[in-house]
Amino acid sequence: NSAMTSAMTSAPRVLSVQSHVVHGYVGNRAAVFPLQLLGFEVDVINSVQFSCHTGYPVLAGQRVSGDDLRALVQGLSQNEALDHSFLLTGYIGAVSFLQEILTLRQMLPKDCCYVCDPVMGDNGHLYVPEELVAVYRSDVLQHVSILTPNQFEAELLTERKITNIQEAIDACNLLHSKGPRVVVLTTLDVPEATRGGESVAMLLSCQGSRKWLLRVPWIGGGPFTGTGDLTAAMILAYMHKVPHELPLALEKAAAVLQGVLRNTVSCKTARTIQGKRVSPELSLVESKSVIESPTIVHHCQLVESLGIAGVLFDEETLDDESNKMLQLMKSSGLKVGIISKKDTARFPDVETRTFSDSPQTALADQIKQWGVEASAVLIVAASMSFIRCSGSLTVALLKPRGCNGGYNGDAQDTAALAAEADFTIGCLDSLRRLLPALHTNGSS
C-alpha cells in the first residue's frame, strides 16, 4: 500500500476532520492532544461545534456545512498548506459535508494515508441520516487506507449481521474488497470474542493476511464518550510508528485506551444533570504518560492457531535478557533450539547447533531430530538467510529505534525482511501472539 508506506516515511502531518466540543473530550478534542503528544503536527477542521457532546441534556452550537468546508479547503490549498501525510475523519453529520471530504481527499497528496472512522452509530442505534451510510458504502470506502468501524458500523457498511467471529472476518474481507487495506473492528461484541461479556474484543484485519483478535478487560463506569475517537487516533499514530508490526500498533492503541479509562474512573464519577446521568469525561491530560508510553499487558492472538510445536532461534536475535522467554517456552511444552554461526554457551539449557555457510542444513537437522513437521516449527530470525527456510513459518525480529518510530538498520533491508517473513516482531515478548501455550504461563 503506497499510501501507507509513504505516510510512514514522510513528516507526520495530520488533517483531522471531526466534531468539536467546548467542554469535554470527543471528536477532535479526544484525538488532537494525544496525536500531538506523540509528535504529530495536527491541523483541525471541525464538522460541528457544540457546547458539550450529545450525552448531555442540552445541545447547543453549530454544524459546519459542506460550503463552509469547501471554503476552508480552498483557503488551505491557495496557501499551499494541503501537504498532509494523513487524513483522519470522524463524525460527519451531513451528506454534503461528506461529499466535500471526497473532494478534499483528491486535493491532498496522492500518497496521503486516509484513516476513516465512519462514526454513524453504536449498539444498534443510528445517529446520522440514513443516506450517509450509502455514501460511505458507494463513494468513500474506495479512498480509505485504514478503516476503524465498531461492529454496528461494520454491519451497516456491509449490510450483514455479525453474530460470531467468522462473520466478523467475512465482513472485514468484504470491506477490503471495497478499498481499505487495513480494517480494525474497534468493538466485536459477540460471546465467543468477549468470553461472555467479561472482555472487550477488537479484530485486526490486513488484506490477504491472517486475522488478529485482541481482548482487554471491560472497565465499568461508562458508557464513555470519545473512546472511539481516541482509539482511531492512536491506531493512526502507532501504525505509523510500527508499520511492520500492526498487531503491536493495535496493542499500543488499546493500552492507551485502557490506561485513560482507568485514570478516568479512578478520579471521576458520573453526574446527574437536569435529571440525566452523564458519564465522566475522559481524563486525557492526567493520562499524558500513558499516551506517550503505554504499557502492554494484553496481546493480540491469531484467530486461527498455528499449531506450533517448536521454535528455532537465529542466535543473533537473542540477548542476555532472552533466557526468561526461552525457559517460559520450554516450561510451556514447546521444543526450543538455537542456530548459531559460532559456538556459544550463553544458553546452556537450550540445544544449540552451529553452521558455517548457510543455516539451512542446521535448521533441517534440528527439525528432523525433533520428529515434527517443518510446518509446526517457528523460525525467529534477523537475516534473510534464515527467513528463506522453506516449509517453516518465519518471524523477522526488527529492532525498534525508539519512541519516534522506525527501526534500527537500513530501511530498505528492514522492509525487505518484513515482506519476506510470515510475521514480524520488535521483541521476543511479542511471540506471545503466535504461541497460545505462553498465555497459561504469563500475561495474556
Protein backbone atom coordinates (compact mmCIF):
# COMPACT_ATOMS: atom_id res chain seq x y z
CA ASN A 1 0.00 0.00 0.00
CA SER A 2 1.90 3.03 -1.29
CA ALA A 3 -0.33 5.40 0.68
CA MET A 4 0.63 3.81 3.98
CA THR A 5 4.30 3.35 3.07
CA SER A 6 4.86 6.96 2.06
CA ALA A 7 2.97 8.29 5.07
CA MET A 8 5.20 6.19 7.27
CA THR A 9 8.39 7.76 5.93
CA SER A 10 7.35 11.40 5.44
CA ALA A 11 6.76 14.08 8.07
CA PRO A 12 3.79 13.04 10.23
CA ARG A 13 1.27 15.78 9.49
CA VAL A 14 -2.40 15.02 10.11
CA LEU A 15 -5.50 16.83 8.88
CA SER A 16 -8.23 15.84 11.35
CA VAL A 17 -11.86 16.45 10.39
CA GLN A 18 -14.15 15.63 13.30
CA SER A 19 -16.61 17.10 15.77
CA HIS A 20 -15.61 19.70 18.38
CA VAL A 21 -16.98 20.42 21.84
CA VAL A 22 -16.16 23.35 24.09
CA HIS A 23 -16.32 21.14 27.19
CA GLY A 24 -15.26 17.51 27.31
CA TYR A 25 -13.34 15.11 25.14
CA VAL A 26 -14.92 13.75 21.96
CA GLY A 27 -14.00 14.10 18.29
CA ASN A 28 -11.06 16.41 17.71
CA ARG A 29 -10.85 17.14 21.43
CA ALA A 30 -10.15 13.43 22.05
CA ALA A 31 -7.79 13.00 19.09
CA VAL A 32 -5.63 16.11 18.70
CA PHE A 33 -3.91 16.30 22.10
CA PRO A 34 -2.83 12.62 22.08
CA LEU A 35 -1.55 12.90 18.50
CA GLN A 36 0.44 16.00 19.40
CA LEU A 37 1.94 14.23 22.41
CA LEU A 38 3.16 11.53 20.05
CA GLY A 39 4.91 14.02 17.78
CA PHE A 40 2.33 14.67 15.07
CA GLU A 41 1.55 18.08 13.60
CA VAL A 42 -2.25 18.25 13.56
CA ASP A 43 -4.37 20.67 11.53
CA VAL A 44 -8.00 20.71 12.61
CA ILE A 45 -11.32 21.14 10.81
CA ASN A 46 -14.44 20.88 12.99
CA SER A 47 -17.52 19.25 11.43
CA VAL A 48 -19.67 20.62 14.27
CA GLN A 49 -19.09 22.92 17.22
CA PHE A 50 -21.19 22.12 20.26
CA SER A 51 -21.07 23.22 23.87
CA CYS A 52 -20.95 19.58 25.07
CA HIS A 53 -21.41 16.19 23.48
CA THR A 54 -24.86 14.72 22.86
CA GLY A 55 -24.87 12.77 26.13
CA TYR A 56 -25.65 15.99 27.98
CA PRO A 57 -29.25 17.16 28.39
CA VAL A 58 -28.80 20.40 26.40
CA LEU A 59 -27.26 20.53 22.91
CA ALA A 60 -26.15 23.96 21.74
CA GLY A 61 -23.90 25.02 18.89
CA GLN A 62 -23.49 24.97 15.14
CA ARG A 63 -22.98 22.49 12.33
CA VAL A 64 -20.45 23.23 9.61
CA SER A 65 -21.92 22.97 6.11
CA GLY A 66 -20.39 21.47 3.01
CA ASP A 67 -19.97 25.00 1.62
CA ASP A 68 -18.10 26.03 4.77
CA LEU A 69 -15.76 23.06 4.40
CA ARG A 70 -15.16 23.87 0.73
CA ALA A 71 -14.18 27.44 1.63
CA LEU A 72 -11.75 26.25 4.32
CA VAL A 73 -10.16 23.72 1.99
CA GLN A 74 -9.79 26.21 -0.82
CA GLY A 75 -8.04 28.59 1.57
CA LEU A 76 -5.65 25.85 2.64
CA SER A 77 -4.97 24.96 -0.98
CA GLN A 78 -4.34 28.55 -2.05
CA ASN A 79 -1.90 28.92 0.82
CA GLU A 80 -0.13 25.68 -0.21
CA ALA A 81 -0.99 24.05 3.13
CA LEU A 82 -2.58 20.82 1.86
CA ASP A 83 0.52 18.64 2.13
CA HIS A 84 -0.62 16.27 4.86
CA SER A 85 0.61 12.70 5.30
CA PHE A 86 -2.64 11.61 6.94
CA LEU A 87 -6.30 12.47 6.64
CA LEU A 88 -8.33 11.46 9.72
CA THR A 89 -12.12 11.75 9.65
CA GLY A 90 -14.63 11.08 12.40
CA TYR A 91 -18.19 12.32 13.00
CA ILE A 92 -19.77 13.84 9.90
CA GLY A 93 -23.46 14.65 10.12
CA ALA A 94 -24.48 15.66 6.58
CA VAL A 95 -24.17 14.17 3.08
CA SER A 96 -22.99 17.48 1.61
CA PHE A 97 -20.12 17.62 4.12
CA LEU A 98 -19.11 14.02 3.44
CA GLN A 99 -19.10 14.66 -0.31
CA GLU A 100 -16.75 17.59 0.24
CA ILE A 101 -14.46 15.22 2.17
CA LEU A 102 -14.06 13.28 -1.08
CA THR A 103 -13.06 16.47 -2.88
CA LEU A 104 -10.61 17.22 -0.07
CA ARG A 105 -9.08 13.75 -0.38
CA GLN A 106 -8.45 14.33 -4.08
CA MET A 107 -6.68 17.63 -3.30
CA LEU A 108 -4.33 16.02 -0.79
CA PRO A 109 -1.14 14.26 -1.93
CA LYS A 110 -1.78 11.01 -3.73
CA ASP A 111 0.17 9.07 -1.10
CA CYS A 112 -1.76 10.58 1.84
CA CYS A 113 -3.00 7.80 4.13
CA TYR A 114 -6.74 8.17 4.77
CA VAL A 115 -7.79 6.87 8.19
CA CYS A 116 -11.58 6.80 8.31
CA ASP A 117 -13.58 6.31 11.50
CA PRO A 118 -17.10 6.02 10.00
CA VAL A 119 -18.97 7.41 13.00
CA MET A 120 -22.59 6.50 12.32
CA GLY A 121 -23.95 4.76 15.41
CA ASP A 122 -23.48 2.10 18.04
CA ASN A 123 -25.37 -0.71 19.76
CA GLY A 124 -27.99 -0.81 17.02
CA HIS A 125 -28.71 2.92 17.19
CA LEU A 126 -28.06 5.12 14.15
CA TYR A 127 -27.24 8.75 14.92
CA VAL A 128 -26.60 10.12 11.44
CA PRO A 129 -29.04 10.38 8.47
CA GLU A 130 -29.54 7.02 6.74
CA GLU A 131 -28.45 8.42 3.37
CA LEU A 132 -24.98 9.00 4.84
CA VAL A 133 -24.46 5.24 5.12
CA ALA A 134 -24.99 4.77 1.40
CA VAL A 135 -22.43 7.48 0.59
CA TYR A 136 -19.84 5.78 2.80
CA ARG A 137 -20.55 2.48 1.04
CA SER A 138 -20.57 3.67 -2.55
CA ASP A 139 -18.17 6.64 -2.58
CA VAL A 140 -15.93 6.83 0.48
CA LEU A 141 -14.58 3.32 1.11
CA GLN A 142 -12.65 3.16 -2.16
CA HIS A 143 -10.45 6.06 -0.97
CA VAL A 144 -9.78 4.72 2.56
CA SER A 145 -6.45 3.21 3.66
CA ILE A 146 -7.35 2.30 7.27
CA LEU A 147 -10.97 1.83 8.40
CA THR A 148 -11.96 1.74 12.09
CA PRO A 149 -15.68 0.93 12.44
CA ASN A 150 -17.33 -0.51 15.51
CA GLN A 151 -19.34 -3.69 15.00
CA PHE A 152 -22.62 -1.87 14.28
CA GLU A 153 -20.94 0.40 11.73
CA ALA A 154 -19.33 -2.61 10.03
CA GLU A 155 -22.76 -4.19 9.79
CA LEU A 156 -24.16 -1.01 8.22
CA LEU A 157 -21.33 -0.80 5.68
CA THR A 158 -21.52 -4.47 4.66
CA GLU A 159 -25.30 -4.90 5.07
CA ARG A 160 -24.58 -8.06 7.06
CA LYS A 161 -25.23 -9.05 10.65
CA ILE A 162 -22.24 -10.13 12.72
CA THR A 163 -23.06 -12.80 15.31
CA ASN A 164 -19.72 -14.64 15.57
CA ILE A 165 -16.03 -14.24 14.80
CA GLN A 166 -16.21 -15.86 11.37
CA GLU A 167 -18.96 -13.45 10.29
CA ALA A 168 -16.75 -10.59 11.51
CA ILE A 169 -13.89 -11.92 9.37
CA ASP A 170 -16.21 -12.20 6.36
CA ALA A 171 -17.34 -8.61 6.92
CA CYS A 172 -13.70 -7.42 7.04
CA ASN A 173 -12.91 -9.25 3.81
CA LEU A 174 -15.90 -7.63 2.14
CA LEU A 175 -14.74 -4.22 3.32
CA HIS A 176 -11.26 -4.95 1.93
CA SER A 177 -12.81 -5.61 -1.46
CA LYS A 178 -14.29 -2.11 -1.39
CA GLY A 179 -10.96 -0.34 -0.74
CA PRO A 180 -9.41 -0.34 2.76
CA ARG A 181 -6.22 -2.39 3.11
CA VAL A 182 -6.49 -2.38 6.91
CA VAL A 183 -9.73 -2.79 8.87
CA VAL A 184 -9.95 -2.64 12.66
CA LEU A 185 -13.26 -3.56 14.24
CA THR A 186 -12.89 -1.45 17.36
CA THR A 187 -15.66 -3.43 19.05
CA LEU A 188 -16.62 -7.05 18.42
CA ASP A 189 -19.47 -7.78 20.78
CA VAL A 190 -20.14 -11.47 20.19
CA PRO A 191 -19.95 -14.03 23.04
CA GLU A 192 -17.03 -16.08 21.68
CA ALA A 193 -14.95 -12.91 21.29
CA THR A 194 -15.87 -11.26 24.62
CA ARG A 195 -15.89 -14.54 26.58
CA GLY A 196 -19.45 -13.95 27.57
CA GLY A 197 -19.05 -10.23 28.22
CA GLU A 198 -16.03 -10.27 30.55
CA SER A 199 -13.77 -8.68 27.90
CA VAL A 200 -13.86 -6.03 25.22
CA ALA A 201 -12.78 -7.51 21.88
CA MET A 202 -11.22 -5.90 18.80
CA LEU A 203 -10.42 -7.51 15.44
CA LEU A 204 -7.49 -6.53 13.20
CA SER A 205 -7.64 -7.49 9.54
CA CYS A 206 -4.99 -6.75 6.92
CA GLN A 207 -5.96 -7.63 3.37
CA GLY A 208 -4.61 -11.02 2.36
CA SER A 209 -3.21 -11.74 5.83
CA ARG A 210 -4.21 -13.63 8.96
CA LYS A 211 -6.69 -12.03 11.36
CA TRP A 212 -5.87 -10.97 14.92
CA LEU A 213 -8.17 -10.81 17.94
CA LEU A 214 -7.36 -8.59 20.92
CA ARG A 215 -9.19 -8.97 24.23
CA VAL A 216 -8.85 -6.41 27.01
CA PRO A 217 -10.75 -6.17 30.32
CA TRP A 218 -14.10 -4.43 30.40
CA ILE A 219 -13.96 -1.29 32.57
CA GLY A 220 -17.14 -0.15 34.29
CA GLY A 221 -18.31 3.38 34.99
CA GLY A 222 -19.45 4.26 31.46
CA PRO A 223 -20.68 4.27 28.85
CA PHE A 224 -17.83 6.62 27.98
CA THR A 225 -17.84 9.06 25.08
CA GLY A 226 -14.85 9.80 22.89
CA THR A 227 -13.31 6.34 23.23
CA GLY A 228 -13.76 5.54 19.53
CA ASP A 229 -12.26 8.90 18.52
CA LEU A 230 -9.25 8.32 20.79
CA THR A 231 -8.84 4.76 19.52
CA ALA A 232 -8.85 5.78 15.84
CA ALA A 233 -6.24 8.48 16.52
CA MET A 234 -3.99 6.03 18.38
CA ILE A 235 -4.35 3.43 15.63
CA LEU A 236 -3.17 6.08 13.15
CA ALA A 237 -0.26 7.07 15.39
CA TYR A 238 1.06 3.63 16.22
CA MET A 239 0.55 2.15 12.75
CA HIS A 240 2.80 4.97 11.60
CA LYS A 241 5.39 4.23 14.29
CA VAL A 242 5.48 0.43 13.87
CA PRO A 243 4.38 -0.09 10.25
CA HIS A 244 5.74 -3.63 10.00
CA GLU A 245 4.06 -4.85 13.19
CA LEU A 246 0.40 -3.82 13.06
CA PRO A 247 -0.70 -6.14 15.90
CA LEU A 248 1.69 -4.20 18.14
CA ALA A 249 0.13 -0.95 16.95
CA LEU A 250 -3.30 -2.22 17.99
CA GLU A 251 -1.93 -3.42 21.35
CA LYS A 252 -0.48 0.03 22.00
CA ALA A 253 -3.69 1.80 20.96
CA ALA A 254 -5.72 -0.45 23.25
CA ALA A 255 -3.23 0.04 26.10
CA VAL A 256 -3.65 3.81 25.78
CA LEU A 257 -7.44 3.47 25.90
CA GLN A 258 -7.29 1.15 28.91
CA GLY A 259 -4.93 3.49 30.75
CA VAL A 260 -7.07 6.55 30.05
CA LEU A 261 -10.24 4.77 31.21
CA ARG A 262 -8.58 3.54 34.40
CA ASN A 263 -7.38 7.06 35.16
CA THR A 264 -10.87 8.37 34.43
CA VAL A 265 -12.74 6.04 36.77
CA SER A 266 -10.12 6.47 39.49
CA CYS A 267 -10.77 10.20 39.83
CA LYS A 268 -14.21 10.87 38.34
CA THR A 269 -17.75 9.57 38.61
CA ALA A 270 -20.93 10.05 36.62
CA ARG A 271 -23.03 13.15 37.34
CA THR A 272 -26.74 13.82 37.19
CA ILE A 273 -27.58 16.97 35.22
CA GLN A 274 -31.22 18.04 34.90
CA GLY A 275 -32.25 14.52 35.80
CA LYS A 276 -29.99 12.86 33.22
CA ARG A 277 -26.99 10.67 34.04
CA VAL A 278 -23.84 11.95 32.34
CA SER A 279 -20.77 9.70 32.30
CA PRO A 280 -17.39 11.18 33.30
CA GLU A 281 -15.28 12.88 30.64
CA LEU A 282 -12.05 11.14 29.66
CA SER A 283 -9.04 12.10 31.79
CA LEU A 284 -6.74 12.84 28.85
CA VAL A 285 -4.47 15.44 30.45
CA GLU A 286 -3.96 13.24 33.50
CA SER A 287 -3.03 10.38 31.13
CA LYS A 288 -0.14 12.12 29.36
CA SER A 289 2.43 9.49 30.37
CA VAL A 290 0.07 6.65 29.42
CA ILE A 291 -0.39 8.08 25.95
CA GLU A 292 3.33 8.60 25.42
CA SER A 293 4.45 5.23 26.80
CA PRO A 294 1.61 2.72 27.04
CA THR A 295 2.26 -0.48 28.96
CA ILE A 296 1.15 -3.54 27.01
CA VAL A 297 -0.39 -6.22 29.19
CA HIS A 298 -2.71 -7.89 26.68
CA HIS A 299 -1.50 -9.27 23.36
CA CYS A 300 -3.26 -9.94 20.08
CA GLN A 301 -3.84 -13.58 19.23
CA LEU A 302 -4.29 -15.17 15.86
CA VAL A 303 -7.89 -16.16 15.26
CA GLU A 304 -6.65 -19.45 13.76
CA SER A 305 -3.98 -21.19 15.84
CA LEU A 306 -0.74 -22.10 14.05
CA GLY A 307 -0.25 -25.39 15.90
CA ILE A 308 3.40 -24.66 16.67
CA ALA A 309 5.36 -27.47 18.35
CA GLY A 310 8.85 -25.94 18.34
CA VAL A 311 10.73 -22.67 17.95
CA LEU A 312 14.21 -22.24 16.46
CA PHE A 313 16.12 -19.02 17.07
CA ASP A 314 18.76 -17.35 14.98
CA GLU A 315 21.34 -16.71 17.71
CA GLU A 316 21.57 -13.08 16.55
CA THR A 317 18.02 -12.46 17.79
CA LEU A 318 18.92 -13.31 21.40
CA ASP A 319 20.47 -11.15 24.09
CA ASP A 320 21.27 -11.56 27.77
CA GLU A 321 17.63 -10.92 28.68
CA SER A 322 16.27 -13.67 26.41
CA ASN A 323 16.71 -16.62 28.74
CA LYS A 324 13.48 -15.90 30.60
CA MET A 325 11.46 -16.24 27.39
CA LEU A 326 13.37 -19.37 26.36
CA GLN A 327 12.64 -21.02 29.71
CA LEU A 328 8.99 -19.97 29.55
CA MET A 329 8.67 -21.68 26.19
CA LYS A 330 10.27 -24.87 27.47
CA SER A 331 8.04 -24.93 30.54
CA SER A 332 5.03 -24.50 28.25
CA GLY A 333 5.87 -27.73 26.45
CA LEU A 334 7.43 -26.19 23.35
CA LYS A 335 10.62 -27.53 21.80
CA VAL A 336 13.29 -24.79 21.72
CA GLY A 337 16.59 -24.63 19.84
CA ILE A 338 19.26 -22.14 18.74
CA ILE A 339 21.09 -22.00 15.41
CA SER A 340 24.40 -20.11 15.60
CA LYS A 341 27.33 -19.31 13.34
CA LYS A 342 29.68 -19.62 16.28
CA ASP A 343 29.99 -21.79 19.35
CA THR A 344 28.17 -20.19 22.24
CA ALA A 345 27.44 -21.18 25.82
CA ARG A 346 25.16 -18.27 26.62
CA PHE A 347 22.13 -20.54 26.99
CA PRO A 348 23.37 -23.91 28.29
CA ASP A 349 19.85 -25.24 28.89
CA VAL A 350 18.90 -24.84 25.21
CA GLU A 351 20.24 -27.11 22.48
CA THR A 352 22.41 -25.17 20.03
CA ARG A 353 23.56 -26.15 16.54
CA THR A 354 26.26 -24.32 14.60
CA PHE A 355 26.70 -23.73 10.87
CA SER A 356 29.46 -22.34 8.65
CA ASP A 357 27.99 -21.04 5.38
CA SER A 358 24.21 -21.43 5.39
CA PRO A 359 21.86 -22.21 8.28
CA GLN A 360 19.56 -24.35 6.14
CA THR A 361 21.17 -27.71 6.94
CA ALA A 362 21.36 -26.99 10.68
CA LEU A 363 17.70 -25.95 10.69
CA ALA A 364 16.61 -29.07 8.80
CA ASP A 365 18.67 -31.37 11.04
CA GLN A 366 17.19 -29.91 14.22
CA ILE A 367 13.63 -30.20 12.91
CA LYS A 368 14.31 -33.82 11.88
CA GLN A 369 15.72 -34.63 15.32
CA TRP A 370 12.60 -33.21 16.96
CA GLY A 371 10.46 -35.51 14.81
CA VAL A 372 7.94 -32.82 13.88
CA GLU A 373 6.73 -31.39 10.60
CA ALA A 374 8.58 -28.31 9.36
CA SER A 375 5.21 -26.52 9.20
CA ALA A 376 4.92 -26.91 13.00
CA VAL A 377 8.20 -25.05 13.62
CA LEU A 378 8.56 -21.29 14.01
CA ILE A 379 11.91 -19.80 12.97
CA VAL A 380 12.80 -16.47 14.61
CA ALA A 381 15.49 -14.67 12.64
CA ALA A 382 17.23 -11.37 11.98
CA SER A 383 18.59 -12.14 8.50
CA MET A 384 17.23 -13.19 5.13
CA SER A 385 19.21 -16.47 5.08
CA PHE A 386 17.04 -17.78 7.93
CA ILE A 387 13.81 -16.27 6.62
CA ARG A 388 14.11 -18.17 3.35
CA CYS A 389 13.70 -21.55 5.01
CA SER A 390 11.11 -23.48 3.07
CA GLY A 391 8.39 -25.31 4.92
CA SER A 392 8.51 -23.47 8.25
CA LEU A 393 6.80 -20.28 9.37
CA THR A 394 9.26 -17.43 9.82
CA VAL A 395 9.34 -14.44 12.17
CA ALA A 396 11.55 -11.44 11.46
CA LEU A 397 12.85 -9.69 14.57
CA LEU A 398 13.09 -5.98 13.79
CA LYS A 399 14.71 -3.82 16.44
CA PRO A 400 12.60 -0.68 17.11
CA ARG A 401 14.55 2.56 17.08
CA GLY A 402 12.62 4.24 19.91
CA CYS A 403 9.64 6.43 20.65
CA ASN A 404 9.89 8.35 17.36
CA GLY A 405 9.10 5.25 15.33
CA GLY A 406 11.03 3.30 12.71
CA TYR A 407 13.57 0.54 13.08
CA ASN A 408 17.31 0.18 13.50
CA GLY A 409 19.25 -0.67 10.37
CA ASP A 410 18.78 0.16 6.72
CA ALA A 411 15.15 0.99 5.93
CA GLN A 412 15.20 -0.89 2.63
CA ASP A 413 16.69 -4.02 4.20
CA THR A 414 14.15 -3.83 7.03
CA ALA A 415 11.25 -3.55 4.60
CA ALA A 416 12.57 -6.48 2.54
CA LEU A 417 12.97 -8.66 5.64
CA ALA A 418 9.46 -7.80 6.84
CA ALA A 419 7.99 -8.51 3.41
CA GLU A 420 9.69 -11.90 3.17
CA ALA A 421 8.77 -13.18 6.65
CA ASP A 422 5.40 -14.57 7.65
CA PHE A 423 5.36 -12.38 10.78
CA THR A 424 7.37 -9.51 12.24
CA ILE A 425 8.05 -8.63 15.87
CA GLY A 426 10.04 -5.95 17.66
CA CYS A 427 10.88 -8.01 20.76
CA LEU A 428 10.69 -11.64 21.83
CA ASP A 429 7.79 -10.97 24.19
CA SER A 430 5.62 -10.41 21.11
CA LEU A 431 5.93 -14.14 20.35
CA ARG A 432 3.05 -14.49 22.82
CA ARG A 433 0.79 -13.55 19.92
CA LEU A 434 1.81 -16.65 18.00
CA LEU A 435 2.12 -19.16 20.83
CA PRO A 436 -1.10 -19.67 22.80
CA ALA A 437 0.72 -22.01 25.22
CA LEU A 438 2.52 -18.99 26.67
CA HIS A 439 -0.75 -17.42 27.80
CA THR A 440 -1.15 -20.01 30.52
CA ASN A 441 2.26 -19.09 31.95
CA GLY A 442 2.32 -15.33 31.53
CA SER A 443 0.21 -12.29 30.73
CA SER A 444 -2.42 -12.62 28.03
